[in-house]
């Protein structure tokens, strides 16, 4: 049986920590420190505590490593890993199995499940502009979204309206203004810095995305899911493997129960995961949406390690993880290259609730 290393990043408890599940507070007190009210973020702390409590209860022979503190357990290279990955990872975390899901845009088998027109183009101003204009021409009235794919969050998304304008933001704090889109106005110096890099920018048809939902995929199979409701954490799960509570518009605050959509998403996620099994590597999350006609589609894929949990069934997740230790074992032959973080080394923990 495989032993496990559980990585936890210590952080201040939230002011309402005494309202958190007693099991969370007990696990935190045992491995990190007494759970007393502080100024920590409620969602971030509950997600960390949920990971810790479920992992130490479900995974066999768990050894907890608290970031920034001495670790006296077995060799991490001989243990399967679970937990958050820091912005500056441990060397053993860098040898975890590779994940390519950060470049989901390059998976041909996934394209039919996106529900929108997408084009990958090189880091070239003329090519980006041409792709955006072509997308606007093909889909009048829809608009376009441009996303820089080489580095996570290096550039803001460019939301281009049907008239070809977008809201340009000023990195120095100036007032945003709506102007005609041009790649150089959006990407600036990065156009030169990454000039010629293939498949650097994803240009996609803008689509209304309703009832956003996150599926956890372990061992190639969806195992549980929850809607992308920012204020929900696993402490809010009511025993549903696929939580039925959703927001039609993300962050609207209007939470509705839709068991029928949850079942539709479960079926669709299984179909999609099986279709892309030959192209995807490692555990991942699949974010879904419903279009105006009630059809499910994929928003994007992301590495599983630091993904936001929302109202997730942690027992279902950790049971599946425990059944697939090979996906979480370090590989010494990787030699310190980014693994679970995705090919670009992204998805590291920066204390944000994603």
Protein backbone atom coordinates (compact mmCIF):
# COMPACT_ATOMS: atom_id res chain seq x y z
CA UNK A 1 0.00 0.00 0.00
CA UNK A 2 1.29 3.47 -0.94
CA UNK A 3 2.14 5.98 1.78
CA UNK A 4 1.14 9.61 1.22
CA UNK A 5 2.66 13.03 1.81
CA UNK A 6 0.12 15.75 2.59
CA UNK A 7 1.36 19.28 1.90
CA UNK A 8 -0.28 22.08 3.85
CA UNK A 9 0.41 25.81 3.75
CA UNK A 10 -0.17 27.37 7.19
CA UNK A 11 -2.28 30.48 7.27
CA UNK A 12 -4.23 32.55 9.74
CA UNK A 13 -7.62 31.21 10.74
CA UNK A 14 -10.66 33.32 9.80
CA UNK A 15 -12.66 35.34 12.34
CA UNK A 16 -15.48 32.78 12.15
CA UNK A 17 -13.26 29.72 12.56
CA UNK A 18 -15.34 28.48 15.49
CA UNK A 19 -18.25 28.08 13.05
CA UNK A 20 -16.20 25.73 10.86
CA UNK A 21 -16.75 21.96 11.16
CA UNK A 22 -15.21 20.58 14.34
CA UNK A 23 -13.33 17.99 12.28
CA UNK A 24 -11.58 20.80 10.37
CA UNK A 25 -10.54 22.52 13.60
CA UNK A 26 -9.34 19.25 15.13
CA UNK A 27 -7.19 18.36 12.12
CA UNK A 28 -5.75 21.89 12.00
CA UNK A 29 -4.97 21.76 15.70
CA UNK A 30 -3.23 18.41 15.39
CA UNK A 31 -0.99 19.21 12.43
CA UNK A 32 -0.74 23.01 12.07
CA UNK A 33 -1.67 24.85 15.24
CA UNK A 34 -4.60 25.73 17.44
CA UNK A 35 -7.60 26.90 15.43
CA UNK A 36 -8.32 30.29 16.99
CA UNK A 37 -10.05 33.30 15.42
CA UNK A 38 -7.75 35.45 13.31
CA UNK A 39 -7.80 37.63 10.23
CA UNK A 40 -7.51 34.86 7.62
CA UNK A 41 -9.69 34.47 4.55
CA UNK A 42 -12.66 32.19 5.38
CA UNK A 43 -12.81 30.39 2.02
CA UNK A 44 -9.05 29.87 1.71
CA UNK A 45 -8.74 28.49 5.24
CA UNK A 46 -11.72 26.16 4.90
CA UNK A 47 -10.34 24.74 1.66
CA UNK A 48 -6.94 24.09 3.25
CA UNK A 49 -8.57 22.57 6.32
CA UNK A 50 -10.87 20.44 4.15
CA UNK A 51 -7.88 19.08 2.23
CA UNK A 52 -6.02 18.32 5.46
CA UNK A 53 -8.93 16.69 7.26
CA UNK A 54 -10.05 14.49 4.38
CA UNK A 55 -6.54 13.48 3.32
CA UNK A 56 -5.39 12.45 6.79
CA UNK A 57 -8.62 10.52 7.34
CA UNK A 58 -8.91 8.73 3.99
CA UNK A 59 -5.43 8.33 2.48
CA UNK A 60 -3.37 5.42 3.87
CA UNK A 61 -0.37 6.19 6.07
CA UNK A 62 -0.42 9.99 5.66
CA UNK A 63 2.60 12.13 6.58
CA UNK A 64 1.91 15.86 6.88
CA UNK A 65 4.45 18.45 5.73
CA UNK A 66 3.68 22.01 6.82
CA UNK A 67 5.35 24.60 4.63
CA UNK A 68 8.13 26.53 6.35
CA UNK A 69 8.50 24.03 9.19
CA UNK A 70 10.88 21.12 9.75
CA UNK A 71 9.78 17.85 8.19
CA UNK A 72 11.01 14.61 9.73
CA UNK A 73 8.98 12.05 7.83
CA UNK A 74 9.95 9.52 5.15
CA UNK A 75 11.69 10.52 1.93
CA UNK A 76 9.15 12.60 -0.07
CA UNK A 77 10.40 11.02 -3.29
CA UNK A 78 9.00 7.69 -2.08
CA UNK A 79 5.55 9.03 -1.18
CA UNK A 80 2.51 9.87 -3.26
CA UNK A 81 1.72 13.59 -2.95
CA UNK A 82 -1.50 15.43 -2.17
CA UNK A 83 -2.00 19.06 -1.23
CA UNK A 84 -1.39 22.60 -2.36
CA UNK A 85 1.75 23.50 -4.31
CA UNK A 86 3.49 26.70 -3.26
CA UNK A 87 4.60 29.48 -5.58
CA UNK A 88 8.14 28.19 -4.96
CA UNK A 89 7.60 24.43 -4.91
CA UNK A 90 9.65 21.79 -3.16
CA UNK A 91 11.99 19.95 -5.52
CA UNK A 92 10.03 16.74 -5.06
CA UNK A 93 6.86 18.53 -6.17
CA UNK A 94 8.61 19.50 -9.39
CA UNK A 95 9.12 15.81 -10.20
CA UNK A 96 5.44 14.90 -9.99
CA UNK A 97 3.89 13.38 -13.14
CA UNK A 98 3.48 15.79 -16.01
CA UNK A 99 0.16 17.41 -16.81
CA UNK A 100 -0.57 18.97 -20.18
CA UNK A 101 -4.04 20.27 -19.42
CA UNK A 102 -2.88 23.89 -19.28
CA UNK A 103 -2.75 23.60 -23.08
CA UNK A 104 -6.22 22.21 -23.48
CA UNK A 105 -6.60 24.49 -26.48
CA UNK A 106 -4.22 22.24 -28.43
CA UNK A 107 -6.22 19.02 -27.91
CA UNK A 108 -8.09 18.23 -31.15
CA UNK A 109 -10.38 15.73 -29.42
CA UNK A 110 -11.62 18.46 -27.04
CA UNK A 111 -12.63 20.97 -29.73
CA UNK A 112 -16.09 19.43 -30.41
CA UNK A 113 -16.97 19.81 -26.72
CA UNK A 114 -16.21 23.54 -26.43
CA UNK A 115 -19.44 24.79 -28.01
CA UNK A 116 -17.76 27.81 -29.59
CA UNK A 117 -15.37 28.71 -32.39
CA UNK A 118 -11.72 28.82 -31.28
CA UNK A 119 -8.43 29.53 -33.05
CA UNK A 120 -4.85 29.24 -31.75
CA UNK A 121 -2.40 31.73 -33.25
CA UNK A 122 1.26 32.61 -32.82
CA UNK A 123 2.49 35.62 -30.86
CA UNK A 124 2.33 37.94 -33.84
CA UNK A 125 0.33 41.16 -33.86
CA UNK A 126 -0.92 40.85 -37.43
CA UNK A 127 -1.96 37.23 -36.94
CA UNK A 128 -3.82 38.00 -33.70
CA UNK A 129 -5.61 40.96 -35.29
CA UNK A 130 -6.56 38.89 -38.34
CA UNK A 131 -7.88 36.05 -36.17
CA UNK A 132 -9.98 38.47 -34.12
CA UNK A 133 -11.42 40.16 -37.23
CA UNK A 134 -12.17 36.80 -38.81
CA UNK A 135 -13.95 35.62 -35.68
CA UNK A 136 -16.07 38.80 -35.59
CA UNK A 137 -16.98 38.33 -39.26
CA UNK A 138 -17.95 34.68 -38.82
CA UNK A 139 -20.11 35.33 -35.77
CA UNK A 140 -21.81 38.74 -36.08
CA UNK A 141 -23.06 40.04 -32.77
CA UNK A 142 -21.17 37.49 -30.65
CA UNK A 143 -17.94 39.26 -29.77
CA UNK A 144 -14.51 37.72 -29.22
CA UNK A 145 -12.32 36.80 -26.24
CA UNK A 146 -8.52 36.68 -26.62
CA UNK A 147 -6.46 34.79 -24.02
CA UNK A 148 -2.68 34.63 -23.69
CA UNK A 149 -1.89 30.93 -23.20
CA UNK A 150 1.87 30.85 -22.60
CA UNK A 151 1.77 32.25 -19.05
CA UNK A 152 -1.15 32.05 -16.65
CA UNK A 153 -2.59 35.48 -15.86
CA UNK A 154 0.30 37.33 -17.50
CA UNK A 155 -2.19 39.35 -19.54
CA UNK A 156 -5.84 40.11 -18.81
CA UNK A 157 -8.42 38.58 -21.09
CA UNK A 158 -9.32 40.85 -23.99
CA UNK A 159 -13.11 41.07 -24.35
CA UNK A 160 -13.72 42.40 -27.84
CA UNK A 161 -17.23 43.69 -28.57
CA UNK A 162 -19.01 43.00 -31.88
CA UNK A 163 -18.01 46.49 -33.07
CA UNK A 164 -14.32 45.59 -32.66
CA UNK A 165 -13.62 47.66 -29.56
CA UNK A 166 -12.32 46.52 -26.18
CA UNK A 167 -11.71 48.04 -22.77
CA UNK A 168 -8.02 48.81 -22.48
CA UNK A 169 -6.70 48.80 -18.92
CA UNK A 170 -3.79 50.93 -17.79
CA UNK A 171 -1.25 49.01 -15.71
CA UNK A 172 -0.22 52.27 -14.06
CA UNK A 173 -3.67 52.94 -12.63
CA UNK A 174 -5.07 55.20 -15.32
CA UNK A 175 -8.72 55.23 -16.31
CA UNK A 176 -9.69 52.33 -18.61
CA UNK A 177 -11.02 53.38 -22.00
CA UNK A 178 -12.87 51.67 -24.82
CA UNK A 179 -10.87 51.73 -28.04
CA UNK A 180 -10.56 49.67 -31.25
CA UNK A 181 -8.81 46.38 -30.52
CA UNK A 182 -5.26 45.87 -31.72
CA UNK A 183 -2.92 43.19 -30.43
CA UNK A 184 -0.21 45.71 -29.56
CA UNK A 185 -2.66 47.70 -27.44
CA UNK A 186 -3.59 44.58 -25.51
CA UNK A 187 -0.28 42.72 -25.25
CA UNK A 188 2.21 45.58 -25.40
CA UNK A 189 5.82 44.54 -24.78
CA UNK A 190 4.84 40.87 -24.52
CA UNK A 191 4.32 40.85 -28.29
CA UNK A 192 8.06 41.39 -28.70
CA UNK A 193 9.08 39.29 -25.70
CA UNK A 194 7.29 36.19 -27.03
CA UNK A 195 7.44 37.06 -30.72
CA UNK A 196 6.96 34.07 -32.99
CA UNK A 197 6.01 31.63 -30.22
CA UNK A 198 3.48 29.24 -31.78
CA UNK A 199 -0.02 28.82 -30.38
CA UNK A 200 0.54 31.66 -27.93
CA UNK A 201 -2.91 33.25 -28.09
CA UNK A 202 -6.34 31.65 -28.07
CA UNK A 203 -8.92 33.67 -30.00
CA UNK A 204 -12.41 32.42 -29.30
CA UNK A 205 -16.01 33.29 -30.00
CA UNK A 206 -17.60 34.94 -26.99
CA UNK A 207 -20.37 32.80 -25.54
CA UNK A 208 -22.79 33.27 -22.68
CA UNK A 209 -21.74 30.80 -20.01
CA UNK A 210 -24.50 29.83 -17.60
CA UNK A 211 -24.33 27.62 -14.50
CA UNK A 212 -20.53 27.29 -14.39
CA UNK A 213 -19.51 24.00 -12.80
CA UNK A 214 -16.24 22.23 -11.93
CA UNK A 215 -15.66 18.49 -12.33
CA UNK A 216 -12.74 16.69 -10.70
CA UNK A 217 -11.25 14.06 -13.03
CA UNK A 218 -8.99 11.43 -11.44
CA UNK A 219 -7.67 8.37 -13.27
CA UNK A 220 -9.42 9.55 -16.41
CA UNK A 221 -12.88 9.48 -14.79
CA UNK A 222 -15.03 12.29 -13.33
CA UNK A 223 -15.42 11.51 -9.63
CA UNK A 224 -17.28 14.49 -8.15
CA UNK A 225 -18.20 18.08 -8.89
CA UNK A 226 -19.60 21.35 -7.61
CA UNK A 227 -20.70 24.65 -9.09
CA UNK A 228 -18.29 27.59 -9.20
CA UNK A 229 -19.90 29.43 -6.29
CA UNK A 230 -17.11 31.48 -4.76
CA UNK A 231 -18.42 31.58 -1.20
CA UNK A 232 -18.98 27.82 -1.00
CA UNK A 233 -16.34 25.41 0.32
CA UNK A 234 -16.43 21.67 1.10
CA UNK A 235 -17.90 22.62 4.48
CA UNK A 236 -21.08 23.50 2.55
CA UNK A 237 -21.38 20.11 0.85
CA UNK A 238 -24.58 18.28 1.80
CA UNK A 239 -23.48 14.78 0.89
CA UNK A 240 -23.93 15.15 -2.87
CA UNK A 241 -21.22 13.72 -5.10
CA UNK A 242 -22.36 16.26 -7.71
CA UNK A 243 -23.69 19.25 -5.80
CA UNK A 244 -26.90 20.56 -7.41
CA UNK A 245 -26.64 24.19 -6.23
CA UNK A 246 -25.63 26.66 -8.95
CA UNK A 247 -25.68 30.29 -10.04
CA UNK A 248 -26.95 31.00 -13.54
CA UNK A 249 -24.61 34.00 -13.64
CA UNK A 250 -21.38 33.53 -11.72
CA UNK A 251 -21.06 35.71 -8.60
CA UNK A 252 -24.66 36.90 -8.91
CA UNK A 253 -25.49 35.60 -5.44
CA UNK A 254 -28.69 33.95 -6.73
CA UNK A 255 -28.19 30.30 -5.81
CA UNK A 256 -30.61 27.77 -7.30
CA UNK A 257 -30.89 23.99 -7.03
CA UNK A 258 -30.77 22.11 -10.35
CA UNK A 259 -30.30 18.35 -9.86
CA UNK A 260 -31.23 17.85 -13.52
CA UNK A 261 -28.34 20.03 -14.70
CA UNK A 262 -25.96 18.29 -12.28
CA UNK A 263 -26.94 14.93 -13.82
CA UNK A 264 -26.52 16.36 -17.32
CA UNK A 265 -23.06 17.64 -16.41
CA UNK A 266 -22.08 14.26 -14.93
CA UNK A 267 -23.05 12.44 -18.13
CA UNK A 268 -21.35 15.05 -20.34
CA UNK A 269 -18.16 15.01 -18.25
CA UNK A 270 -17.88 11.23 -18.61
CA UNK A 271 -18.38 11.49 -22.37
CA UNK A 272 -15.79 14.25 -22.68
CA UNK A 273 -13.22 12.61 -20.40
CA UNK A 274 -13.39 9.39 -22.39
CA UNK A 275 -13.08 11.25 -25.69
CA UNK A 276 -9.85 13.00 -24.65
CA UNK A 277 -8.19 10.17 -22.69
CA UNK A 278 -5.60 9.68 -25.41
CA UNK A 279 -4.55 13.33 -25.31
CA UNK A 280 -4.71 14.39 -21.67
CA UNK A 281 -2.17 13.53 -18.96
CA UNK A 282 -2.55 13.54 -15.19
CA UNK A 283 -5.43 14.47 -12.88
CA UNK A 284 -7.32 17.61 -13.83
CA UNK A 285 -10.46 19.66 -13.39
CA UNK A 286 -12.97 20.26 -16.16
CA UNK A 287 -14.98 23.49 -16.01
CA UNK A 288 -18.38 23.32 -17.70
CA UNK A 289 -21.14 25.68 -18.75
CA UNK A 290 -24.64 25.55 -20.19
CA UNK A 291 -25.45 27.54 -23.34
CA UNK A 292 -28.74 29.35 -23.95
CA UNK A 293 -30.16 26.26 -25.65
CA UNK A 294 -29.48 24.14 -22.55
CA UNK A 295 -26.51 22.25 -24.01
CA UNK A 296 -23.41 21.56 -21.87
CA UNK A 297 -19.92 22.52 -23.04
CA UNK A 298 -16.36 22.77 -21.69
CA UNK A 299 -14.97 26.15 -20.59
CA UNK A 300 -11.42 24.90 -20.02
CA UNK A 301 -9.27 22.31 -18.26
CA UNK A 302 -6.81 23.03 -15.44
CA UNK A 303 -4.37 21.00 -13.29
CA UNK A 304 -6.04 19.46 -10.26
CA UNK A 305 -3.47 20.32 -7.60
CA UNK A 306 -4.46 23.88 -6.62
CA UNK A 307 -7.89 24.13 -8.15
CA UNK A 308 -10.66 25.71 -6.10
CA UNK A 309 -12.87 23.12 -4.42
CA UNK A 310 -16.18 24.94 -3.87
CA UNK A 311 -18.87 22.73 -2.22
CA UNK A 312 -17.06 19.55 -3.17
CA UNK A 313 -17.60 16.06 -1.75
CA UNK A 314 -14.10 15.57 -0.30
CA UNK A 315 -14.70 11.93 0.58
CA UNK A 316 -15.40 11.13 -3.08
CA UNK A 317 -12.36 13.12 -4.22
CA UNK A 318 -9.86 11.66 -1.74
CA UNK A 319 -11.15 8.11 -2.23
CA UNK A 320 -10.53 8.45 -5.97
CA UNK A 321 -7.10 9.98 -5.37
CA UNK A 322 -6.21 7.15 -3.00
CA UNK A 323 -7.23 4.64 -5.68
CA UNK A 324 -4.88 6.25 -8.25
CA UNK A 325 -1.55 6.78 -6.44
CA UNK A 326 0.48 6.51 -9.66
CA UNK A 327 -0.89 9.88 -10.78
CA UNK A 328 0.59 11.48 -7.66
CA UNK A 329 4.00 9.76 -7.34
CA UNK A 330 7.24 11.72 -7.95
CA UNK A 331 9.36 10.61 -10.90
CA UNK A 332 13.11 11.11 -10.27
CA UNK A 333 13.78 11.02 -14.01
CA UNK A 334 11.92 14.29 -14.44
CA UNK A 335 14.89 16.12 -12.95
CA UNK A 336 13.02 19.02 -11.40
CA UNK A 337 10.86 19.92 -14.39
CA UNK A 338 7.32 21.22 -13.73
CA UNK A 339 4.95 18.31 -13.35
CA UNK A 340 1.57 18.59 -11.66
CA UNK A 341 1.75 22.33 -12.27
CA UNK A 342 1.22 21.94 -15.99
CA UNK A 343 3.78 22.29 -18.73
CA UNK A 344 4.31 25.99 -18.01
CA UNK A 345 4.68 25.48 -14.27
CA UNK A 346 1.53 27.40 -13.46
CA UNK A 347 -1.27 26.77 -10.95
CA UNK A 348 0.92 27.39 -7.93
CA UNK A 349 -0.69 28.44 -4.70
CA UNK A 350 -0.75 32.18 -4.13
CA UNK A 351 -3.46 32.34 -1.48
CA UNK A 352 -6.20 33.10 -4.01
CA UNK A 353 -9.51 31.29 -4.20
CA UNK A 354 -9.77 30.03 -7.78
